Amino acid sequence: MKIYTFRQHLKESLKDPEFKKAWEESEAEYQISRALIAARLHKKISQRDLAKRANTTQAVISRLESMSANPSIGLIQKVASALNLKLKIQLT
């Protein structure tokens, strides 16, 4: 039995120009989400507690972490500040 891994599937899928474009366009959201989740878990803070610190709702934090929202820089800054993080934006 041959196992088909996610990496193999991704490598194959990235050959499709439409998929590749969508994948690359989602990278910024993914990196923000990943960094916020990692920081929140490292500090052992629940989504609800983070929301209170950032003066927002748990649902907003959930949407931010699941990449199902298009957050403003202001919101990201508020959440970062609530985690004692500094927001740094870099274009490459």
PDB file of N, CA and C in Angstrom:
ATOM      1  N   MET A   1       0.848  -1.187   0.000  1.00  0.00           N
ATOM      2  CA  MET A   1       0.000   0.000   0.000  1.00  0.00           C
ATOM      3  C   MET A   1       0.888   1.243   0.000  1.00  0.00           C
ATOM      4  N   LYS A   2       0.664   2.112  -0.955  1.00  0.00           N
ATOM      5  CA  LYS A   2       1.438   3.346  -1.068  1.00  0.00           C
ATOM      6  C   LYS A   2       0.706   4.477  -0.347  1.00  0.00           C
ATOM      7  N   ILE A   3       1.444   5.228   0.445  1.00  0.00           N
ATOM      8  CA  ILE A   3       0.873   6.352   1.181  1.00  0.00           C
ATOM      9  C   ILE A   3       1.097   7.630   0.389  1.00  0.00           C
ATOM     10  N   TYR A   4       0.043   8.403   0.233  1.00  0.00           N
ATOM     11  CA  TYR A   4       0.081   9.675  -0.484  1.00  0.00           C
ATOM     12  C   TYR A   4       0.069  10.782   0.561  1.00  0.00           C
ATOM     13  N   THR A   5       1.165  11.494   0.714  1.00  0.00           N
ATOM     14  CA  THR A   5       1.295  12.496   1.770  1.00  0.00           C
ATOM     15  C   THR A   5       0.773  13.860   1.327  1.00  0.00           C
ATOM     16  N   PHE A   6       0.585  14.717   2.317  1.00  0.00           N
ATOM     17  CA  PHE A   6       0.173  16.084   2.027  1.00  0.00           C
ATOM     18  C   PHE A   6       1.220  16.794   1.171  1.00  0.00           C
ATOM     19  N   ARG A   7       2.476  16.598   1.502  1.00  0.00           N
ATOM     20  CA  ARG A   7       3.552  17.250   0.734  1.00  0.00           C
ATOM     21  C   ARG A   7       3.524  16.828  -0.728  1.00  0.00           C
ATOM     22  N   GLN A   8       3.268  15.556  -0.968  1.00  0.00           N
ATOM     23  CA  GLN A   8       3.167  15.083  -2.355  1.00  0.00           C
ATOM     24  C   GLN A   8       1.976  15.730  -3.048  1.00  0.00           C
ATOM     25  N   HIS A   9       0.853  15.788  -2.326  1.00  0.00           N
ATOM     26  CA  HIS A   9      -0.348  16.404  -2.898  1.00  0.00           C
ATOM     27  C   HIS A   9      -0.107  17.884  -3.191  1.00  0.00           C
ATOM     28  N   LEU A  10       0.522  18.573  -2.258  1.00  0.00           N
ATOM     29  CA  LEU A  10       0.806  19.996  -2.454  1.00  0.00           C
ATOM     30  C   LEU A  10       1.731  20.201  -3.647  1.00  0.00           C
ATOM     31  N   LYS A  11       2.774  19.410  -3.735  1.00  0.00           N
ATOM     32  CA  LYS A  11       3.716  19.526  -4.854  1.00  0.00           C
ATOM     33  C   LYS A  11       2.992  19.362  -6.190  1.00  0.00           C
ATOM     34  N   GLU A  12       2.095  18.405  -6.250  1.00  0.00           N
ATOM     35  CA  GLU A  12       1.322  18.161  -7.469  1.00  0.00           C
ATOM     36  C   GLU A  12       0.349  19.323  -7.730  1.00  0.00           C
ATOM     37  N   SER A  13      -0.323  19.775  -6.684  1.00  0.00           N
ATOM     38  CA  SER A  13      -1.307  20.854  -6.816  1.00  0.00           C
ATOM     39  C   SER A  13      -0.660  22.165  -7.249  1.00  0.00           C
ATOM     40  N   LEU A  14       0.573  22.421  -6.799  1.00  0.00           N
ATOM     41  CA  LEU A  14       1.249  23.675  -7.141  1.00  0.00           C
ATOM     42  C   LEU A  14       1.630  23.759  -8.618  1.00  0.00           C
ATOM     43  N   LYS A  15       1.471  22.685  -9.339  1.00  0.00           N
ATOM     44  CA  LYS A  15       1.698  22.714 -10.792  1.00  0.00           C
ATOM     45  C   LYS A  15       0.560  23.424 -11.510  1.00  0.00           C
ATOM     46  N   ASP A  16      -0.588  23.525 -10.845  1.00  0.00           N
ATOM     47  CA  ASP A  16      -1.746  24.234 -11.400  1.00  0.00           C
ATOM     48  C   ASP A  16      -1.567  25.720 -11.107  1.00  0.00           C
ATOM     49  N   PRO A  17      -1.431  26.558 -12.156  1.00  0.00           N
ATOM     50  CA  PRO A  17      -1.161  27.990 -11.937  1.00  0.00           C
ATOM     51  C   PRO A  17      -2.214  28.694 -11.083  1.00  0.00           C
ATOM     52  N   GLU A  18      -3.480  28.327 -11.227  1.00  0.00           N
ATOM     53  CA  GLU A  18      -4.543  28.951 -10.434  1.00  0.00           C
ATOM     54  C   GLU A  18      -4.378  28.615  -8.956  1.00  0.00           C
ATOM     55  N   PHE A  19      -4.125  27.342  -8.673  1.00  0.00           N
ATOM     56  CA  PHE A  19      -3.925  26.913  -7.294  1.00  0.00           C
ATOM     57  C   PHE A  19      -2.682  27.576  -6.709  1.00  0.00           C
ATOM     58  N   LYS A  20      -1.613  27.598  -7.487  1.00  0.00           N
ATOM     59  CA  LYS A  20      -0.358  28.188  -7.010  1.00  0.00           C
ATOM     60  C   LYS A  20      -0.552  29.655  -6.647  1.00  0.00           C
ATOM     61  N   LYS A  21      -1.292  30.383  -7.466  1.00  0.00           N
ATOM     62  CA  LYS A  21      -1.538  31.800  -7.196  1.00  0.00           C
ATOM     63  C   LYS A  21      -2.321  31.967  -5.894  1.00  0.00           C
ATOM     64  N   ALA A  22      -3.371  31.172  -5.719  1.00  0.00           N
ATOM     65  CA  ALA A  22      -4.190  31.255  -4.505  1.00  0.00           C
ATOM     66  C   ALA A  22      -3.364  30.877  -3.274  1.00  0.00           C
ATOM     67  N   TRP A  23      -2.526  29.857  -3.407  1.00  0.00           N
ATOM     68  CA  TRP A  23      -1.663  29.410  -2.306  1.00  0.00           C
ATOM     69  C   TRP A  23      -0.713  30.537  -1.885  1.00  0.00           C
ATOM     70  N   GLU A  24      -0.091  31.159  -2.857  1.00  0.00           N
ATOM     71  CA  GLU A  24       0.861  32.230  -2.559  1.00  0.00           C
ATOM     72  C   GLU A  24       0.174  33.457  -1.976  1.00  0.00           C
ATOM     73  N   GLU A  25      -1.036  33.758  -2.445  1.00  0.00           N
ATOM     74  CA  GLU A  25      -1.766  34.919  -1.943  1.00  0.00           C
ATOM     75  C   GLU A  25      -2.223  34.736  -0.500  1.00  0.00           C
ATOM     76  N   SER A  26      -2.355  33.498  -0.054  1.00  0.00           N
ATOM     77  CA  SER A  26      -2.805  33.249   1.316  1.00  0.00           C
ATOM     78  C   SER A  26      -1.656  33.200   2.316  1.00  0.00           C
ATOM     79  N   GLU A  27      -0.429  33.323   1.851  1.00  0.00           N
ATOM     80  CA  GLU A  27       0.745  33.181   2.724  1.00  0.00           C
ATOM     81  C   GLU A  27       0.769  34.221   3.850  1.00  0.00           C
ATOM     82  N   ALA A  28       0.453  35.469   3.560  1.00  0.00           N
ATOM     83  CA  ALA A  28       0.503  36.513   4.594  1.00  0.00           C
ATOM     84  C   ALA A  28      -0.507  36.217   5.703  1.00  0.00           C
ATOM     85  N   GLU A  29      -1.739  35.859   5.332  1.00  0.00           N
ATOM     86  CA  GLU A  29      -2.745  35.531   6.335  1.00  0.00           C
ATOM     87  C   GLU A  29      -2.305  34.336   7.169  1.00  0.00           C
ATOM     88  N   TYR A  30      -1.734  33.344   6.506  1.00  0.00           N
ATOM     89  CA  TYR A  30      -1.276  32.151   7.210  1.00  0.00           C
ATOM     90  C   TYR A  30      -0.188  32.505   8.228  1.00  0.00           C
ATOM     91  N   GLN A  31       0.771  33.312   7.843  1.00  0.00           N
ATOM     92  CA  GLN A  31       1.868  33.662   8.743  1.00  0.00           C
ATOM     93  C   GLN A  31       1.367  34.465   9.948  1.00  0.00           C
ATOM     94  N   ILE A  32       0.434  35.379   9.716  1.00  0.00           N
ATOM     95  CA  ILE A  32      -0.134  36.155  10.829  1.00  0.00           C
ATOM     96  C   ILE A  32      -0.875  35.228  11.777  1.00  0.00           C
ATOM     97  N   SER A  33      -1.734  34.384  11.215  1.00  0.00           N
ATOM     98  CA  SER A  33      -2.508  33.448  12.025  1.00  0.00           C
ATOM     99  C   SER A  33      -1.593  32.533  12.839  1.00  0.00           C
ATOM    100  N   ARG A  34      -0.603  31.979  12.174  1.00  0.00           N
ATOM    101  CA  ARG A  34       0.340  31.063  12.819  1.00  0.00           C
ATOM    102  C   ARG A  34       1.083  31.750  13.968  1.00  0.00           C
ATOM    103  N   ALA A  35       1.531  32.970  13.743  1.00  0.00           N
ATOM    104  CA  ALA A  35       2.281  33.701  14.775  1.00  0.00           C
ATOM    105  C   ALA A  35       1.392  34.027  15.975  1.00  0.00           C
ATOM    106  N   LEU A  36       0.157  34.443  15.719  1.00  0.00           N
ATOM    107  CA  LEU A  36      -0.737  34.785  16.826  1.00  0.00           C
ATOM    108  C   LEU A  36      -1.111  33.551  17.642  1.00  0.00           C
ATOM    109  N   ILE A  37      -1.400  32.451  16.960  1.00  0.00           N
ATOM    110  CA  ILE A  37      -1.733  31.215  17.676  1.00  0.00           C
ATOM    111  C   ILE A  37      -0.544  30.765  18.527  1.00  0.00           C
ATOM    112  N   ALA A  38       0.635  30.757  17.925  1.00  0.00           N
ATOM    113  CA  ALA A  38       1.835  30.315  18.651  1.00  0.00           C
ATOM    114  C   ALA A  38       2.073  31.183  19.887  1.00  0.00           C
ATOM    115  N   ALA A  39       1.941  32.495  19.742  1.00  0.00           N
ATOM    116  CA  ALA A  39       2.168  33.397  20.877  1.00  0.00           C
ATOM    117  C   ALA A  39       1.113  33.187  21.957  1.00  0.00           C
ATOM    118  N   ARG A  40      -0.139  33.036  21.540  1.00  0.00           N
ATOM    119  CA  ARG A  40      -1.216  32.835  22.517  1.00  0.00           C
ATOM    120  C   ARG A  40      -1.008  31.529  23.283  1.00  0.00           C
ATOM    121  N   LEU A  41      -0.677  30.464  22.575  1.00  0.00           N
ATOM    122  CA  LEU A  41      -0.464  29.179  23.243  1.00  0.00           C
ATOM    123  C   LEU A  41       0.779  29.206  24.135  1.00  0.00           C
ATOM    124  N   HIS A  42       1.825  29.873  23.664  1.00  0.00           N
ATOM    125  CA  HIS A  42       3.053  29.980  24.464  1.00  0.00           C
ATOM    126  C   HIS A  42       2.776  30.684  25.790  1.00  0.00           C
ATOM    127  N   LYS A  43       1.909  31.683  25.741  1.00  0.00           N
ATOM    128  CA  LYS A  43       1.589  32.448  26.950  1.00  0.00           C
ATOM    129  C   LYS A  43       0.443  31.813  27.743  1.00  0.00           C
ATOM    130  N   LYS A  44      -0.075  30.682  27.223  1.00  0.00           N
ATOM    131  CA  LYS A  44      -1.154  29.939  27.888  1.00  0.00           C
ATOM    132  C   LYS A  44      -2.375  30.817  28.136  1.00  0.00           C
ATOM    133  N   ILE A  45      -2.776  31.516  27.075  1.00  0.00           N
ATOM    134  CA  ILE A  45      -3.930  32.410  27.127  1.00  0.00           C
ATOM    135  C   ILE A  45      -5.024  31.817  26.241  1.00  0.00           C
ATOM    136  N   SER A  46      -6.253  31.772  26.734  1.00  0.00           N
ATOM    137  CA  SER A  46      -7.369  31.289  25.928  1.00  0.00           C
ATOM    138  C   SER A  46      -7.781  32.370  24.926  1.00  0.00           C
ATOM    139  N   GLN A  47      -8.530  31.965  23.930  1.00  0.00           N
ATOM    140  CA  GLN A  47      -9.045  32.947  22.973  1.00  0.00           C
ATOM    141  C   GLN A  47      -9.902  33.979  23.696  1.00  0.00           C
ATOM    142  N   ARG A  48     -10.694  33.519  24.645  1.00  0.00           N
ATOM    143  CA  ARG A  48     -11.577  34.424  25.396  1.00  0.00           C
ATOM    144  C   ARG A  48     -10.763  35.453  26.182  1.00  0.00           C
ATOM    145  N   ASP A  49      -9.701  34.994  26.861  1.00  0.00           N
ATOM    146  CA  ASP A  49      -8.858  35.923  27.622  1.00  0.00           C
ATOM    147  C   ASP A  49      -8.131  36.906  26.703  1.00  0.00           C
ATOM    148  N   LEU A  50      -7.654  36.409  25.570  1.00  0.00           N
ATOM    149  CA  LEU A  50      -7.000  37.298  24.613  1.00  0.00           C
ATOM    150  C   LEU A  50      -7.980  38.343  24.097  1.00  0.00           C
ATOM    151  N   ALA A  51      -9.197  37.910  23.821  1.00  0.00           N
ATOM    152  CA  ALA A  51     -10.222  38.841  23.346  1.00  0.00           C
ATOM    153  C   ALA A  51     -10.470  39.951  24.368  1.00  0.00           C
ATOM    154  N   LYS A  52     -10.550  39.580  25.646  1.00  0.00           N
ATOM    155  CA  LYS A  52     -10.751  40.586  26.696  1.00  0.00           C
ATOM    156  C   LYS A  52      -9.597  41.575  26.722  1.00  0.00           C
ATOM    157  N   ARG A  53      -8.373  41.049  26.628  1.00  0.00           N
ATOM    158  CA  ARG A  53      -7.190  41.918  26.645  1.00  0.00           C
ATOM    159  C   ARG A  53      -7.149  42.848  25.440  1.00  0.00           C
ATOM    160  N   ALA A  54      -7.662  42.375  24.307  1.00  0.00           N
ATOM    161  CA  ALA A  54      -7.633  43.166  23.074  1.00  0.00           C
ATOM    162  C   ALA A  54      -8.921  43.960  22.866  1.00  0.00           C
ATOM    163  N   ASN A  55      -9.817  43.893  23.835  1.00  0.00           N
ATOM    164  CA  ASN A  55     -11.091  44.606  23.763  1.00  0.00           C
ATOM    165  C   ASN A  55     -11.890  44.224  22.510  1.00  0.00           C
ATOM    166  N   THR A  56     -12.015  42.922  22.313  1.00  0.00           N
ATOM    167  CA  THR A  56     -12.800  42.401  21.192  1.00  0.00           C
ATOM    168  C   THR A  56     -13.520  41.154  21.689  1.00  0.00           C
ATOM    169  N   THR A  57     -14.034  40.329  20.790  1.00  0.00           N
ATOM    170  CA  THR A  57     -14.761  39.124  21.191  1.00  0.00           C
ATOM    171  C   THR A  57     -13.959  37.874  20.854  1.00  0.00           C
ATOM    172  N   GLN A  58     -14.310  36.787  21.507  1.00  0.00           N
ATOM    173  CA  GLN A  58     -13.671  35.503  21.236  1.00  0.00           C
ATOM    174  C   GLN A  58     -13.920  35.093  19.792  1.00  0.00           C
ATOM    175  N   ALA A  59     -15.093  35.413  19.252  1.00  0.00           N
ATOM    176  CA  ALA A  59     -15.408  35.063  17.864  1.00  0.00           C
ATOM    177  C   ALA A  59     -14.455  35.754  16.887  1.00  0.00           C
ATOM    178  N   VAL A  60     -14.095  36.990  17.179  1.00  0.00           N
ATOM    179  CA  VAL A  60     -13.146  37.723  16.329  1.00  0.00           C
ATOM    180  C   VAL A  60     -11.782  37.043  16.370  1.00  0.00           C
ATOM    181  N   ILE A  61     -11.343  36.649  17.550  1.00  0.00           N
ATOM    182  CA  ILE A  61     -10.053  35.961  17.683  1.00  0.00           C
ATOM    183  C   ILE A  61     -10.096  34.637  16.919  1.00  0.00           C
ATOM    184  N   SER A  62     -11.187  33.912  17.051  1.00  0.00           N
ATOM    185  CA  SER A  62     -11.337  32.642  16.347  1.00  0.00           C
ATOM    186  C   SER A  62     -11.261  32.825  14.834  1.00  0.00           C
ATOM    187  N   ARG A  63     -11.965  33.828  14.314  1.00  0.00           N
ATOM    188  CA  ARG A  63     -11.928  34.090  12.864  1.00  0.00           C
ATOM    189  C   ARG A  63     -10.534  34.504  12.422  1.00  0.00           C
ATOM    190  N   LEU A  64      -9.853  35.276  13.232  1.00  0.00           N
ATOM    191  CA  LEU A  64      -8.491  35.700  12.921  1.00  0.00           C
ATOM    192  C   LEU A  64      -7.556  34.489  12.865  1.00  0.00           C
ATOM    193  N   GLU A  65      -7.669  33.612  13.838  1.00  0.00           N
ATOM    194  CA  GLU A  65      -6.800  32.437  13.888  1.00  0.00           C
ATOM    195  C   GLU A  65      -7.125  31.415  12.798  1.00  0.00           C
ATOM    196  N   SER A  66      -8.380  31.356  12.369  1.00  0.00           N
ATOM    197  CA  SER A  66      -8.762  30.381  11.341  1.00  0.00           C
ATOM    198  C   SER A  66      -8.669  30.952   9.931  1.00  0.00           C
ATOM    199  N   MET A  67      -8.195  32.178   9.826  1.00  0.00           N
ATOM    200  CA  MET A  67      -8.031  32.856   8.528  1.00  0.00           C
ATOM    201  C   MET A  67      -9.365  33.019   7.801  1.00  0.00           C
ATOM    202  N   SER A  68     -10.451  33.121   8.539  1.00  0.00           N
ATOM    203  CA  SER A  68     -11.750  33.306   7.908  1.00  0.00           C
ATOM    204  C   SER A  68     -12.222  34.753   8.012  1.00  0.00           C
ATOM    205  N   ALA A  69     -11.293  35.651   8.238  1.00  0.00           N
ATOM    206  CA  ALA A  69     -11.606  37.078   8.303  1.00  0.00           C
ATOM    207  C   ALA A  69     -10.532  37.837   7.533  1.00  0.00           C
ATOM    208  N   ASN A  70     -10.842  39.045   7.178  1.00  0.00           N
ATOM    209  CA  ASN A  70      -9.873  39.915   6.524  1.00  0.00           C
ATOM    210  C   ASN A  70      -9.613  41.074   7.497  1.00  0.00           C
ATOM    211  N   PRO A  71      -8.748  40.845   8.491  1.00  0.00           N
ATOM    212  CA  PRO A  71      -8.591  41.834   9.564  1.00  0.00           C
ATOM    213  C   PRO A  71      -7.851  43.084   9.117  1.00  0.00           C
ATOM    214  N   SER A  72      -8.179  44.170   9.788  1.00  0.00           N
ATOM    215  CA  SER A  72      -7.459  45.418   9.552  1.00  0.00           C
ATOM    216  C   SER A  72      -6.120  45.346  10.267  1.00  0.00           C
ATOM    217  N   ILE A  73      -5.210  46.197   9.850  1.00  0.00           N
ATOM    218  CA  ILE A  73      -3.926  46.289  10.540  1.00  0.00           C
ATOM    219  C   ILE A  73      -4.156  46.741  11.978  1.00  0.00           C
ATOM    220  N   GLY A  74      -5.151  47.582  12.184  1.00  0.00           N
ATOM    221  CA  GLY A  74      -5.475  48.037  13.533  1.00  0.00           C
ATOM    222  C   GLY A  74      -5.859  46.892  14.456  1.00  0.00           C
ATOM    223  N   LEU A  75      -6.666  45.961  13.952  1.00  0.00           N
ATOM    224  CA  LEU A  75      -7.058  44.809  14.754  1.00  0.00           C
ATOM    225  C   LEU A  75      -5.852  43.926  15.059  1.00  0.00           C
ATOM    226  N   ILE A  76      -5.038  43.693  14.055  1.00  0.00           N
ATOM    227  CA  ILE A  76      -3.836  42.875  14.275  1.00  0.00           C
ATOM    228  C   ILE A  76      -2.934  43.546  15.305  1.00  0.00           C
ATOM    229  N   GLN A  77      -2.818  44.859  15.233  1.00  0.00           N
ATOM    230  CA  GLN A  77      -2.008  45.608  16.196  1.00  0.00           C
ATOM    231  C   GLN A  77      -2.573  45.467  17.606  1.00  0.00           C
ATOM    232  N   LYS A  78      -3.901  45.560  17.755  1.00  0.00           N
ATOM    233  CA  LYS A  78      -4.533  45.418  19.068  1.00  0.00           C
ATOM    234  C   LYS A  78      -4.259  44.041  19.667  1.00  0.00           C
ATOM    235  N   VAL A  79      -4.395  43.016  18.838  1.00  0.00           N
ATOM    236  CA  VAL A  79      -4.186  41.648  19.316  1.00  0.00           C
ATOM    237  C   VAL A  79      -2.712  41.428  19.640  1.00  0.00           C
ATOM    238  N   ALA A  80      -1.839  41.913  18.788  1.00  0.00           N
ATOM    239  CA  ALA A  80      -0.403  41.790  19.047  1.00  0.00           C
ATOM    240  C   ALA A  80      -0.037  42.489  20.355  1.00  0.00           C
ATOM    241  N   SER A  81      -0.562  43.662  20.559  1.00  0.00           N
ATOM    242  CA  SER A  81      -0.283  44.415  21.778  1.00  0.00           C
ATOM    243  C   SER A  81      -0.798  43.665  23.012  1.00  0.00           C
ATOM    244  N   ALA A  82      -1.966  43.049  22.890  1.00  0.00           N
ATOM    245  CA  ALA A  82      -2.523  42.270  23.995  1.00  0.00           C
ATOM    246  C   ALA A  82      -1.652  41.065  24.327  1.00  0.00           C
ATOM    247  N   LEU A  83      -0.852  40.620  23.364  1.00  0.00           N
ATOM    248  CA  LEU A  83       0.082  39.517  23.573  1.00  0.00           C
ATOM    249  C   LEU A  83       1.493  40.016  23.901  1.00  0.00           C
ATOM    250  N   ASN A  84       1.619  41.332  24.105  1.00  0.00           N
ATOM    251  CA  ASN A  84       2.916  41.963  24.358  1.00  0.00           C
ATOM    252  C   ASN A  84       3.889  41.731  23.205  1.00  0.00           C
ATOM    253  N   LEU A  85       3.367  41.795  21.994  1.00  0.00           N
ATOM    254  CA  LEU A  85       4.177  41.642  20.786  1.00  0.00           C
ATOM    255  C   LEU A  85       4.196  42.960  20.031  1.00  0.00           C
ATOM    256  N   LYS A  86       5.212  43.139  19.245  1.00  0.00           N
ATOM    257  CA  LYS A  86       5.324  44.312  18.384  1.00  0.00           C
ATOM    258  C   LYS A  86       5.010  43.878  16.958  1.00  0.00           C
ATOM    259  N   LEU A  87       4.128  44.602  16.296  1.00  0.00           N
ATOM    260  CA  LEU A  87       3.776  44.299  14.910  1.00  0.00           C
ATOM    261  C   LEU A  87       4.837  44.898  13.999  1.00  0.00           C
ATOM    262  N   LYS A  88       5.381  44.065  13.138  1.00  0.00           N
ATOM    263  CA  LYS A  88       6.380  44.508  12.172  1.00  0.00           C
ATOM    264  C   LYS A  88       5.923  44.037  10.795  1.00  0.00           C
ATOM    265  N   ILE A  89       5.753  44.959   9.879  1.00  0.00           N
ATOM    266  CA  ILE A  89       5.327  44.632   8.527  1.00  0.00           C
ATOM    267  C   ILE A  89       6.529  44.787   7.607  1.00  0.00           C
ATOM    268  N   GLN A  90       6.756  43.769   6.802  1.00  0.00           N
ATOM    269  CA  GLN A  90       7.920  43.784   5.920  1.00  0.00           C
ATOM    270  C   GLN A  90       7.494  43.356   4.523  1.00  0.00           C
ATOM    271  N   LEU A  91       7.873  44.126   3.547  1.00  0.00           N
ATOM    272  CA  LEU A  91       7.614  43.776   2.156  1.00  0.00           C
ATOM    273  C   LEU A  91       8.909  43.295   1.531  1.00  0.00           C
ATOM    274  N   THR A  92       8.856  42.180   0.830  1.00  0.00           N
ATOM    275  CA  THR A  92      10.066  41.659   0.213  1.00  0.00           C
ATOM    276  C   THR A  92       9.875  41.484  -1.279  1.00  0.00           C
TER     277      THR A  92
END
